Amino acid sequence: MKVYALKDNVKKFIKHVPTGYKFDANGVSDWPDDQFTRRRLRDGDISLEPPKRGATVTKSEKLDAAPDSIVGRFQRREEQLQATTQQKSKTS
């Protein structure tokens, strides 16, 4: 089924874990109809319809970086990898 990422953080950090399918640059991916997909639909991370983009930041977008959210964990991991890479390049 075609799914759409509703937030930029979801598009960047989330992939279909069982299959590894990622979102393209437009935030669209083709995921199977399984438990993982249905959970992301319930959570409001993805939609079966293209998102309507607005200029306002929603409360859920602010909470994406929360330490216990899946997106927050991915962001911290990416930041840690970047910091490690920068430290290695400085010592080289």
N, C-alpha and C. Protein backbone atom coordinates (compact mmCIF):
# COMPACT_ATOMS: atom_id res chain seq x y z
N MET A 1 0.84 -1.16 0.00
CA MET A 1 0.00 0.00 0.00
C MET A 1 0.89 1.23 0.00
N LYS A 2 0.46 2.26 -0.68
CA LYS A 2 1.24 3.49 -0.75
C LYS A 2 0.96 4.30 0.51
N VAL A 3 2.03 4.69 1.22
CA VAL A 3 1.90 5.49 2.43
C VAL A 3 2.69 6.77 2.29
N TYR A 4 2.26 7.78 3.02
CA TYR A 4 2.87 9.11 2.97
C TYR A 4 3.34 9.50 4.36
N ALA A 5 4.55 10.00 4.46
CA ALA A 5 5.07 10.51 5.73
C ALA A 5 4.40 11.85 6.00
N LEU A 6 3.89 12.02 7.22
CA LEU A 6 3.19 13.26 7.55
C LEU A 6 4.12 14.32 8.11
N LYS A 7 5.32 13.94 8.49
CA LYS A 7 6.28 14.89 9.07
C LYS A 7 7.63 14.67 8.43
N ASP A 8 8.41 15.73 8.35
CA ASP A 8 9.73 15.62 7.74
C ASP A 8 10.63 14.68 8.52
N ASN A 9 10.51 14.68 9.85
CA ASN A 9 11.33 13.78 10.67
C ASN A 9 11.01 12.32 10.39
N VAL A 10 9.75 12.02 10.17
CA VAL A 10 9.36 10.64 9.86
C VAL A 10 9.95 10.24 8.52
N LYS A 11 9.86 11.14 7.55
CA LYS A 11 10.40 10.85 6.21
C LYS A 11 11.90 10.58 6.28
N LYS A 12 12.58 11.31 7.12
CA LYS A 12 14.04 11.20 7.20
C LYS A 12 14.51 9.99 8.01
N PHE A 13 13.82 9.68 9.10
CA PHE A 13 14.35 8.70 10.05
C PHE A 13 13.64 7.35 10.08
N ILE A 14 12.39 7.29 9.65
CA ILE A 14 11.62 6.06 9.81
C ILE A 14 11.65 5.25 8.52
N LYS A 15 11.79 3.95 8.68
CA LYS A 15 11.67 3.03 7.55
C LYS A 15 10.82 1.85 8.01
N HIS A 16 10.30 1.11 7.07
CA HIS A 16 9.51 -0.07 7.41
C HIS A 16 10.48 -1.12 7.93
N VAL A 17 10.47 -1.35 9.24
CA VAL A 17 11.48 -2.18 9.89
C VAL A 17 11.55 -3.60 9.33
N PRO A 18 10.43 -4.30 9.17
CA PRO A 18 10.57 -5.68 8.67
C PRO A 18 11.18 -5.79 7.27
N THR A 19 10.91 -4.80 6.39
CA THR A 19 11.39 -4.91 5.01
C THR A 19 12.55 -3.96 4.70
N GLY A 20 12.69 -2.88 5.47
CA GLY A 20 13.74 -1.90 5.22
C GLY A 20 13.36 -0.85 4.20
N TYR A 21 12.10 -0.81 3.76
CA TYR A 21 11.67 0.19 2.78
C TYR A 21 11.72 1.57 3.39
N LYS A 22 12.37 2.52 2.70
CA LYS A 22 12.48 3.90 3.16
C LYS A 22 11.56 4.79 2.34
N PHE A 23 11.35 6.00 2.84
CA PHE A 23 10.58 6.99 2.11
C PHE A 23 11.47 7.64 1.06
N ASP A 24 10.88 8.01 -0.08
CA ASP A 24 11.64 8.74 -1.09
C ASP A 24 11.70 10.22 -0.69
N ALA A 25 12.28 11.05 -1.53
CA ALA A 25 12.46 12.47 -1.22
C ALA A 25 11.12 13.19 -1.05
N ASN A 26 10.07 12.65 -1.65
CA ASN A 26 8.75 13.27 -1.54
C ASN A 26 7.96 12.74 -0.34
N GLY A 27 8.51 11.82 0.42
CA GLY A 27 7.84 11.27 1.58
C GLY A 27 6.84 10.19 1.25
N VAL A 28 7.08 9.47 0.15
CA VAL A 28 6.17 8.41 -0.28
C VAL A 28 6.93 7.07 -0.26
N SER A 29 6.23 6.01 0.15
CA SER A 29 6.82 4.69 0.14
C SER A 29 5.72 3.66 -0.08
N ASP A 30 6.12 2.47 -0.45
CA ASP A 30 5.17 1.38 -0.65
C ASP A 30 5.44 0.33 0.43
N TRP A 31 4.56 0.28 1.43
CA TRP A 31 4.72 -0.64 2.54
C TRP A 31 3.64 -1.72 2.48
N PRO A 32 3.93 -2.91 2.99
CA PRO A 32 2.90 -3.94 3.06
C PRO A 32 1.88 -3.61 4.16
N ASP A 33 0.70 -4.18 4.04
CA ASP A 33 -0.35 -3.99 5.05
C ASP A 33 -0.09 -4.98 6.18
N ASP A 34 0.71 -4.56 7.15
CA ASP A 34 1.05 -5.43 8.27
C ASP A 34 0.91 -4.68 9.59
N GLN A 35 1.28 -5.32 10.67
CA GLN A 35 1.14 -4.73 12.00
C GLN A 35 1.97 -3.46 12.15
N PHE A 36 3.19 -3.47 11.61
CA PHE A 36 4.06 -2.29 11.71
C PHE A 36 3.41 -1.09 11.03
N THR A 37 2.89 -1.28 9.82
CA THR A 37 2.26 -0.20 9.07
C THR A 37 1.01 0.30 9.78
N ARG A 38 0.17 -0.61 10.25
CA ARG A 38 -1.05 -0.21 10.94
C ARG A 38 -0.74 0.58 12.21
N ARG A 39 0.34 0.21 12.90
CA ARG A 39 0.74 0.94 14.11
C ARG A 39 1.15 2.36 13.77
N ARG A 40 1.94 2.56 12.71
CA ARG A 40 2.36 3.90 12.31
C ARG A 40 1.15 4.74 11.87
N LEU A 41 0.16 4.08 11.25
CA LEU A 41 -1.07 4.79 10.87
C LEU A 41 -1.81 5.26 12.12
N ARG A 42 -1.93 4.38 13.12
CA ARG A 42 -2.61 4.75 14.38
C ARG A 42 -1.87 5.87 15.09
N ASP A 43 -0.54 5.83 15.06
CA ASP A 43 0.26 6.85 15.74
C ASP A 43 0.19 8.20 15.04
N GLY A 44 -0.25 8.21 13.78
CA GLY A 44 -0.33 9.47 13.04
C GLY A 44 0.98 9.85 12.37
N ASP A 45 1.92 8.90 12.26
CA ASP A 45 3.19 9.18 11.60
C ASP A 45 3.07 9.13 10.09
N ILE A 46 2.16 8.29 9.60
CA ILE A 46 1.97 8.13 8.16
C ILE A 46 0.49 8.21 7.85
N SER A 47 0.19 8.35 6.55
CA SER A 47 -1.18 8.43 6.10
C SER A 47 -1.31 7.69 4.78
N LEU A 48 -2.53 7.31 4.44
CA LEU A 48 -2.78 6.68 3.15
C LEU A 48 -3.09 7.73 2.09
N GLU A 49 -3.23 8.99 2.50
CA GLU A 49 -3.48 10.10 1.59
C GLU A 49 -2.35 11.10 1.68
N PRO A 50 -2.05 11.80 0.58
CA PRO A 50 -0.97 12.81 0.62
C PRO A 50 -1.26 13.86 1.69
N PRO A 51 -0.23 14.29 2.41
CA PRO A 51 -0.44 15.28 3.47
C PRO A 51 -0.73 16.66 2.90
N LYS A 52 -1.47 17.43 3.67
CA LYS A 52 -1.71 18.83 3.34
C LYS A 52 -0.72 19.64 4.14
N ARG A 53 0.20 20.29 3.48
CA ARG A 53 1.25 21.03 4.18
C ARG A 53 0.75 22.38 4.63
N GLY A 54 1.04 22.70 5.89
CA GLY A 54 0.68 23.99 6.45
C GLY A 54 1.92 24.69 6.95
N ALA A 55 1.79 25.95 7.26
CA ALA A 55 2.93 26.74 7.71
C ALA A 55 3.15 26.63 9.22
N THR A 56 2.18 26.07 9.94
CA THR A 56 2.30 26.01 11.39
C THR A 56 2.98 24.71 11.83
N VAL A 57 3.60 24.78 12.98
CA VAL A 57 4.24 23.60 13.57
C VAL A 57 3.26 23.03 14.59
N THR A 58 2.94 21.77 14.47
CA THR A 58 1.98 21.16 15.39
C THR A 58 2.67 20.68 16.66
N LYS A 59 1.88 20.42 17.67
CA LYS A 59 2.41 19.94 18.93
C LYS A 59 3.14 18.61 18.73
N SER A 60 2.59 17.74 17.88
CA SER A 60 3.23 16.44 17.67
C SER A 60 4.59 16.60 17.00
N GLU A 61 4.76 17.60 16.14
CA GLU A 61 6.06 17.82 15.51
C GLU A 61 7.08 18.29 16.53
N LYS A 62 6.64 19.07 17.52
CA LYS A 62 7.54 19.50 18.58
C LYS A 62 7.95 18.32 19.45
N LEU A 63 7.04 17.36 19.64
CA LEU A 63 7.32 16.21 20.49
C LEU A 63 8.14 15.13 19.80
N ASP A 64 8.35 15.26 18.48
CA ASP A 64 9.10 14.24 17.75
C ASP A 64 10.51 14.06 18.29
N ALA A 65 11.09 15.13 18.80
CA ALA A 65 12.45 15.05 19.30
C ALA A 65 12.51 14.63 20.77
N ALA A 66 11.37 14.28 21.35
CA ALA A 66 11.35 13.83 22.74
C ALA A 66 12.22 12.59 22.89
N PRO A 67 12.91 12.48 24.00
CA PRO A 67 13.86 11.37 24.18
C PRO A 67 13.25 9.98 24.03
N ASP A 68 11.96 9.83 24.38
CA ASP A 68 11.37 8.50 24.33
C ASP A 68 10.68 8.20 23.00
N SER A 69 10.63 9.15 22.09
CA SER A 69 9.98 8.89 20.80
C SER A 69 10.94 8.18 19.86
N ILE A 70 10.40 7.44 18.92
CA ILE A 70 11.24 6.70 17.97
C ILE A 70 12.04 7.67 17.11
N VAL A 71 11.43 8.78 16.73
CA VAL A 71 12.13 9.77 15.92
C VAL A 71 13.24 10.42 16.74
N GLY A 72 12.97 10.71 18.02
CA GLY A 72 13.98 11.30 18.89
C GLY A 72 15.19 10.38 19.04
N ARG A 73 14.93 9.07 19.16
CA ARG A 73 16.05 8.12 19.27
C ARG A 73 16.88 8.09 18.01
N PHE A 74 16.24 8.12 16.84
CA PHE A 74 16.97 8.14 15.58
C PHE A 74 17.78 9.42 15.43
N GLN A 75 17.19 10.56 15.83
CA GLN A 75 17.91 11.83 15.74
C GLN A 75 19.14 11.82 16.63
N ARG A 76 19.00 11.34 17.86
CA ARG A 76 20.16 11.29 18.76
C ARG A 76 21.24 10.38 18.22
N ARG A 77 20.85 9.23 17.65
CA ARG A 77 21.83 8.31 17.08
C ARG A 77 22.59 8.97 15.93
N GLU A 78 21.86 9.69 15.07
CA GLU A 78 22.52 10.36 13.96
C GLU A 78 23.46 11.46 14.45
N GLU A 79 23.03 12.21 15.47
CA GLU A 79 23.89 13.25 16.04
C GLU A 79 25.15 12.65 16.65
N GLN A 80 25.01 11.51 17.33
CA GLN A 80 26.17 10.86 17.92
C GLN A 80 27.14 10.38 16.85
N LEU A 81 26.61 9.83 15.77
CA LEU A 81 27.48 9.39 14.67
C LEU A 81 28.21 10.56 14.03
N GLN A 82 27.53 11.68 13.85
CA GLN A 82 28.17 12.86 13.28
C GLN A 82 29.26 13.39 14.20
N ALA A 83 28.97 13.42 15.50
CA ALA A 83 29.97 13.90 16.45
C ALA A 83 31.19 12.99 16.45
N THR A 84 30.98 11.69 16.41
CA THR A 84 32.09 10.73 16.38
C THR A 84 32.91 10.91 15.12
N THR A 85 32.26 11.09 14.00
CA THR A 85 32.96 11.29 12.73
C THR A 85 33.77 12.58 12.75
N GLN A 86 33.21 13.64 13.32
CA GLN A 86 33.94 14.91 13.41
C GLN A 86 35.15 14.78 14.31
N GLN A 87 35.01 14.07 15.44
CA GLN A 87 36.13 13.89 16.35
C GLN A 87 37.25 13.10 15.69
N LYS A 88 36.87 12.06 14.93
CA LYS A 88 37.89 11.25 14.25
C LYS A 88 38.62 12.06 13.18
N SER A 89 37.89 12.93 12.49
CA SER A 89 38.52 13.73 11.43
C SER A 89 39.45 14.79 12.04
N LYS A 90 39.13 15.29 13.25
CA LYS A 90 39.98 16.28 13.90
C LYS A 90 41.29 15.65 14.39
N THR A 91 41.22 14.39 14.82
CA THR A 91 42.41 13.72 15.35
C THR A 91 43.30 13.17 14.24
N SER A 92 42.75 13.09 13.04
CA SER A 92 43.53 12.54 11.93
C SER A 92 44.46 13.55 11.32
